[in-house]
Amino acid sequence: MFSGIVETTGIITDIKIDENNKHFTIQSNISKDAYIDQSIAHNGVCLTVVSLTNDTHTVTAIKETLEKTNLDTLNIGEHINLERSLLANSRVDGHFVQGHVDTTATCQSIREVGGSWYFQFKTDSKYDNLMVPKGSICINGVSLTLVDAEKGSFSIAIIPYTYEHTNFKKIKEGDVVNLEFDILGKYIINYLSKIEFPT
């Protein structure tokens, strides 16, 4: 379980293809404290540390993960958002994030307005009922608040600190990002879909 508060960004230093899987090696300032079998969110994707060096850690993404996230689009030298799992006594400064990406979205536009940045994203309209204005959403592992949500699209605003300390400053129009919708909303919609209402 995560909070969507990115600790740091890492740089992908190596990618190895192993049949349907990809092994990503990442250099970061938390890699030296990582341990084998640890869960770390990478752009919001919960992955397990499988090997270590002094300043890097390696994780493996299987075929299903590569197909459902933006990890398969990443290249050596790119920045990736990192967050270690929550401690039981941690404050949840963002919102509860599982590290299970639901889908991806494509950046349509980026506007700088008075020192903040507004991002517009396009995604499949079948997810419209999981997004509400001022509700929570996790994008590339970052806990954010929706500014608005329309049919097949939504926007968020990024404060300068978040912009500078995550890979949002690297996102360009046309780039693909990972989305995880609020877990409470997903449970409510799942529950309501199974209720038989009287006619």
Protein backbone atom coordinates (compact mmCIF):
# COMPACT_ATOMS: atom_id res chain seq x y z
CA MET A 1 0.00 0.00 0.00
CA PHE A 2 1.24 3.49 -0.91
CA SER A 3 0.15 7.09 -0.41
CA GLY A 4 0.93 8.62 -3.80
CA ILE A 5 3.54 10.93 -2.29
CA VAL A 6 6.59 10.37 -4.48
CA GLU A 7 9.82 10.09 -2.49
CA THR A 8 12.23 10.65 -5.35
CA THR A 9 12.80 10.01 -9.02
CA GLY A 10 15.20 7.41 -10.35
CA ILE A 11 16.98 7.07 -13.67
CA ILE A 12 16.62 3.89 -15.70
CA THR A 13 20.18 2.68 -16.34
CA ASP A 14 19.45 -0.68 -17.98
CA ILE A 15 16.58 -2.65 -19.49
CA LYS A 16 16.89 -6.35 -20.22
CA ILE A 17 14.27 -8.35 -22.12
CA ASP A 18 13.70 -11.89 -20.84
CA GLU A 19 11.10 -13.65 -23.00
CA ASN A 20 7.84 -11.74 -22.20
CA ASN A 21 9.33 -9.90 -19.22
CA LYS A 22 11.46 -6.80 -18.83
CA HIS A 23 14.02 -6.22 -16.07
CA PHE A 24 14.49 -2.53 -15.22
CA THR A 25 17.57 -1.34 -13.35
CA ILE A 26 17.11 2.03 -11.66
CA GLN A 27 19.63 4.33 -10.02
CA SER A 28 18.20 6.45 -7.21
CA ASN A 29 18.95 7.82 -3.78
CA ILE A 30 16.72 5.17 -2.15
CA SER A 31 18.29 2.21 -3.97
CA LYS A 32 21.09 1.93 -1.40
CA ASP A 33 18.47 1.36 1.33
CA ALA A 34 16.38 -1.11 -0.67
CA TYR A 35 16.30 -4.84 0.04
CA ILE A 36 15.43 -7.96 -1.92
CA ASP A 37 11.65 -8.66 -2.05
CA GLN A 38 10.82 -5.05 -1.14
CA SER A 39 7.79 -3.49 -2.81
CA ILE A 40 8.43 -0.13 -4.47
CA ALA A 41 6.02 1.83 -6.66
CA HIS A 42 7.55 2.71 -10.04
CA ASN A 43 5.37 5.30 -11.84
CA GLY A 44 2.62 3.96 -9.60
CA VAL A 45 3.26 0.29 -10.42
CA CYS A 46 4.05 -1.91 -7.41
CA LEU A 47 7.13 -3.97 -8.33
CA THR A 48 9.39 -6.25 -6.31
CA VAL A 49 13.13 -5.64 -5.93
CA VAL A 50 14.97 -8.67 -7.30
CA SER A 51 18.61 -7.55 -7.20
CA LEU A 52 20.80 -4.70 -5.91
CA THR A 53 24.10 -2.91 -6.35
CA ASN A 54 25.47 -0.04 -4.24
CA ASP A 55 23.29 2.58 -5.94
CA THR A 56 20.82 0.66 -8.13
CA HIS A 57 17.95 -1.76 -7.76
CA THR A 58 16.37 -4.04 -10.33
CA VAL A 59 12.71 -4.96 -10.72
CA THR A 60 10.84 -7.19 -13.16
CA ALA A 61 7.66 -6.35 -15.06
CA ILE A 62 5.72 -9.28 -16.51
CA LYS A 63 3.75 -9.25 -19.76
CA GLU A 64 0.43 -8.27 -18.15
CA THR A 65 2.05 -5.32 -16.37
CA LEU A 66 3.77 -4.17 -19.55
CA GLU A 67 0.49 -4.32 -21.46
CA LYS A 68 -1.53 -2.37 -18.89
CA THR A 69 0.97 0.35 -17.95
CA ASN A 70 3.42 2.76 -19.54
CA LEU A 71 6.45 0.75 -18.43
CA ASP A 72 6.85 -0.82 -21.87
CA THR A 73 7.31 2.65 -23.38
CA LEU A 74 10.19 3.61 -21.09
CA ASN A 75 13.80 3.80 -22.27
CA ILE A 76 17.24 3.95 -20.68
CA GLY A 77 17.93 7.43 -19.31
CA GLU A 78 14.31 8.24 -18.51
CA HIS A 79 13.15 9.36 -15.07
CA ILE A 80 10.69 7.27 -13.08
CA ASN A 81 8.74 8.19 -9.92
CA LEU A 82 9.54 6.07 -6.86
CA GLU A 83 7.75 5.49 -3.56
CA ARG A 84 8.39 2.85 -0.92
CA SER A 85 5.40 1.20 0.74
CA LEU A 86 3.70 2.80 3.74
CA LEU A 87 4.68 2.02 7.30
CA ALA A 88 1.83 1.17 9.67
CA ASN A 89 2.50 4.36 11.66
CA SER A 90 2.79 6.67 8.62
CA ARG A 91 0.62 9.68 7.94
CA VAL A 92 -1.28 9.28 4.67
CA ASP A 93 -0.58 12.67 3.11
CA GLY A 94 -2.03 11.66 -0.26
CA HIS A 95 -4.63 8.90 -0.49
CA PHE A 96 -4.53 5.11 -0.31
CA VAL A 97 -2.86 3.76 -3.45
CA GLN A 98 -2.47 0.05 -4.14
CA GLY A 99 0.14 0.22 -6.87
CA HIS A 100 -2.25 -1.67 -9.19
CA VAL A 101 -2.60 0.46 -12.32
CA ASP A 102 -6.09 0.42 -13.85
CA THR A 103 -5.32 1.88 -17.25
CA THR A 104 -3.31 4.54 -19.04
CA ALA A 105 -4.07 8.01 -20.36
CA THR A 106 -2.51 10.22 -23.02
CA CYS A 107 -1.45 13.79 -22.33
CA GLN A 108 -3.40 16.16 -24.58
CA SER A 109 -2.14 19.54 -23.39
CA ILE A 110 0.04 21.27 -20.82
CA ARG A 111 -0.46 24.88 -19.72
CA GLU A 112 1.65 26.93 -17.33
CA VAL A 113 -0.60 29.36 -15.43
CA GLY A 114 0.87 31.66 -12.81
CA GLY A 115 3.57 29.23 -11.71
CA SER A 116 1.41 26.10 -11.70
CA TRP A 117 0.80 23.61 -14.50
CA TYR A 118 -2.46 22.27 -15.86
CA PHE A 119 -2.43 18.90 -17.62
CA GLN A 120 -5.29 17.60 -19.75
CA PHE A 121 -5.46 13.85 -20.35
CA LYS A 122 -7.53 11.63 -22.62
CA THR A 123 -8.59 8.14 -21.58
CA ASP A 124 -11.27 5.56 -22.36
CA SER A 125 -14.73 6.96 -21.54
CA LYS A 126 -15.66 3.68 -19.82
CA TYR A 127 -13.75 5.02 -16.81
CA ASP A 128 -15.78 8.25 -16.57
CA ASN A 129 -17.78 7.04 -13.57
CA LEU A 130 -14.56 6.55 -11.58
CA MET A 131 -13.63 10.23 -11.79
CA VAL A 132 -15.30 13.14 -10.03
CA PRO A 133 -14.18 16.77 -9.80
CA LYS A 134 -12.13 17.33 -6.62
CA GLY A 135 -11.80 13.56 -6.24
CA SER A 136 -8.51 11.68 -5.95
CA ILE A 137 -6.59 10.05 -8.76
CA CYS A 138 -3.08 8.59 -8.95
CA ILE A 139 -1.06 9.47 -12.06
CA ASN A 140 2.39 7.91 -12.52
CA GLY A 141 2.31 7.19 -8.79
CA VAL A 142 1.45 10.77 -7.78
CA SER A 143 -1.64 11.41 -5.65
CA LEU A 144 -3.53 14.27 -7.30
CA THR A 145 -6.90 16.02 -7.22
CA LEU A 146 -9.05 16.14 -10.33
CA VAL A 147 -9.85 19.68 -11.47
CA ASP A 148 -12.59 18.47 -13.79
CA ALA A 149 -13.72 15.32 -15.53
CA GLU A 150 -15.60 15.16 -18.82
CA LYS A 151 -16.42 12.38 -21.26
CA GLY A 152 -13.18 10.59 -21.97
CA SER A 153 -10.95 13.31 -20.55
CA PHE A 154 -9.92 15.00 -17.32
CA SER A 155 -7.53 17.64 -16.05
CA ILE A 156 -5.33 18.10 -13.01
CA ALA A 157 -3.25 20.97 -11.64
CA ILE A 158 0.34 20.55 -10.47
CA ILE A 159 1.94 22.82 -7.89
CA PRO A 160 5.57 23.87 -8.49
CA TYR A 161 7.00 21.50 -5.82
CA THR A 162 5.32 18.44 -7.33
CA TYR A 163 6.31 19.53 -10.83
CA GLU A 164 9.98 19.84 -9.87
CA HIS A 165 10.22 16.70 -7.70
CA THR A 166 8.46 14.16 -9.96
CA ASN A 167 8.71 13.19 -13.61
CA PHE A 168 5.80 15.49 -14.48
CA LYS A 169 8.39 18.01 -15.65
CA LYS A 170 9.40 15.45 -18.31
CA ILE A 171 5.89 14.75 -19.62
CA LYS A 172 5.12 16.04 -23.12
CA GLU A 173 1.96 16.13 -25.21
CA GLY A 174 1.34 12.63 -26.53
CA ASP A 175 3.07 10.89 -23.64
CA VAL A 176 1.31 7.99 -21.90
CA VAL A 177 0.85 7.95 -18.12
CA ASN A 178 -0.38 5.35 -15.64
CA LEU A 179 -3.74 5.79 -13.87
CA GLU A 180 -4.99 4.24 -10.66
CA PHE A 181 -8.48 5.31 -9.65
CA ASP A 182 -9.57 5.83 -6.05
CA ILE A 183 -10.07 2.42 -4.42
CA LEU A 184 -13.20 3.58 -2.57
CA GLY A 185 -14.86 4.58 -5.83
CA LYS A 186 -13.98 1.23 -7.40
CA TYR A 187 -15.52 -0.72 -4.52
CA ILE A 188 -18.69 1.39 -4.54
CA ILE A 189 -19.21 0.97 -8.28
CA ASN A 190 -18.54 -2.76 -8.05
CA TYR A 191 -21.05 -3.09 -5.22
CA LEU A 192 -23.75 -1.08 -6.98
CA SER A 193 -23.30 -3.05 -10.21
CA LYS A 194 -24.36 -6.23 -8.36
CA ILE A 195 -27.46 -4.85 -6.65
CA GLU A 196 -30.81 -5.71 -8.18
CA PHE A 197 -32.94 -2.62 -7.77
CA PRO A 198 -36.74 -3.01 -7.71
CA THR A 199 -38.48 -1.94 -10.91
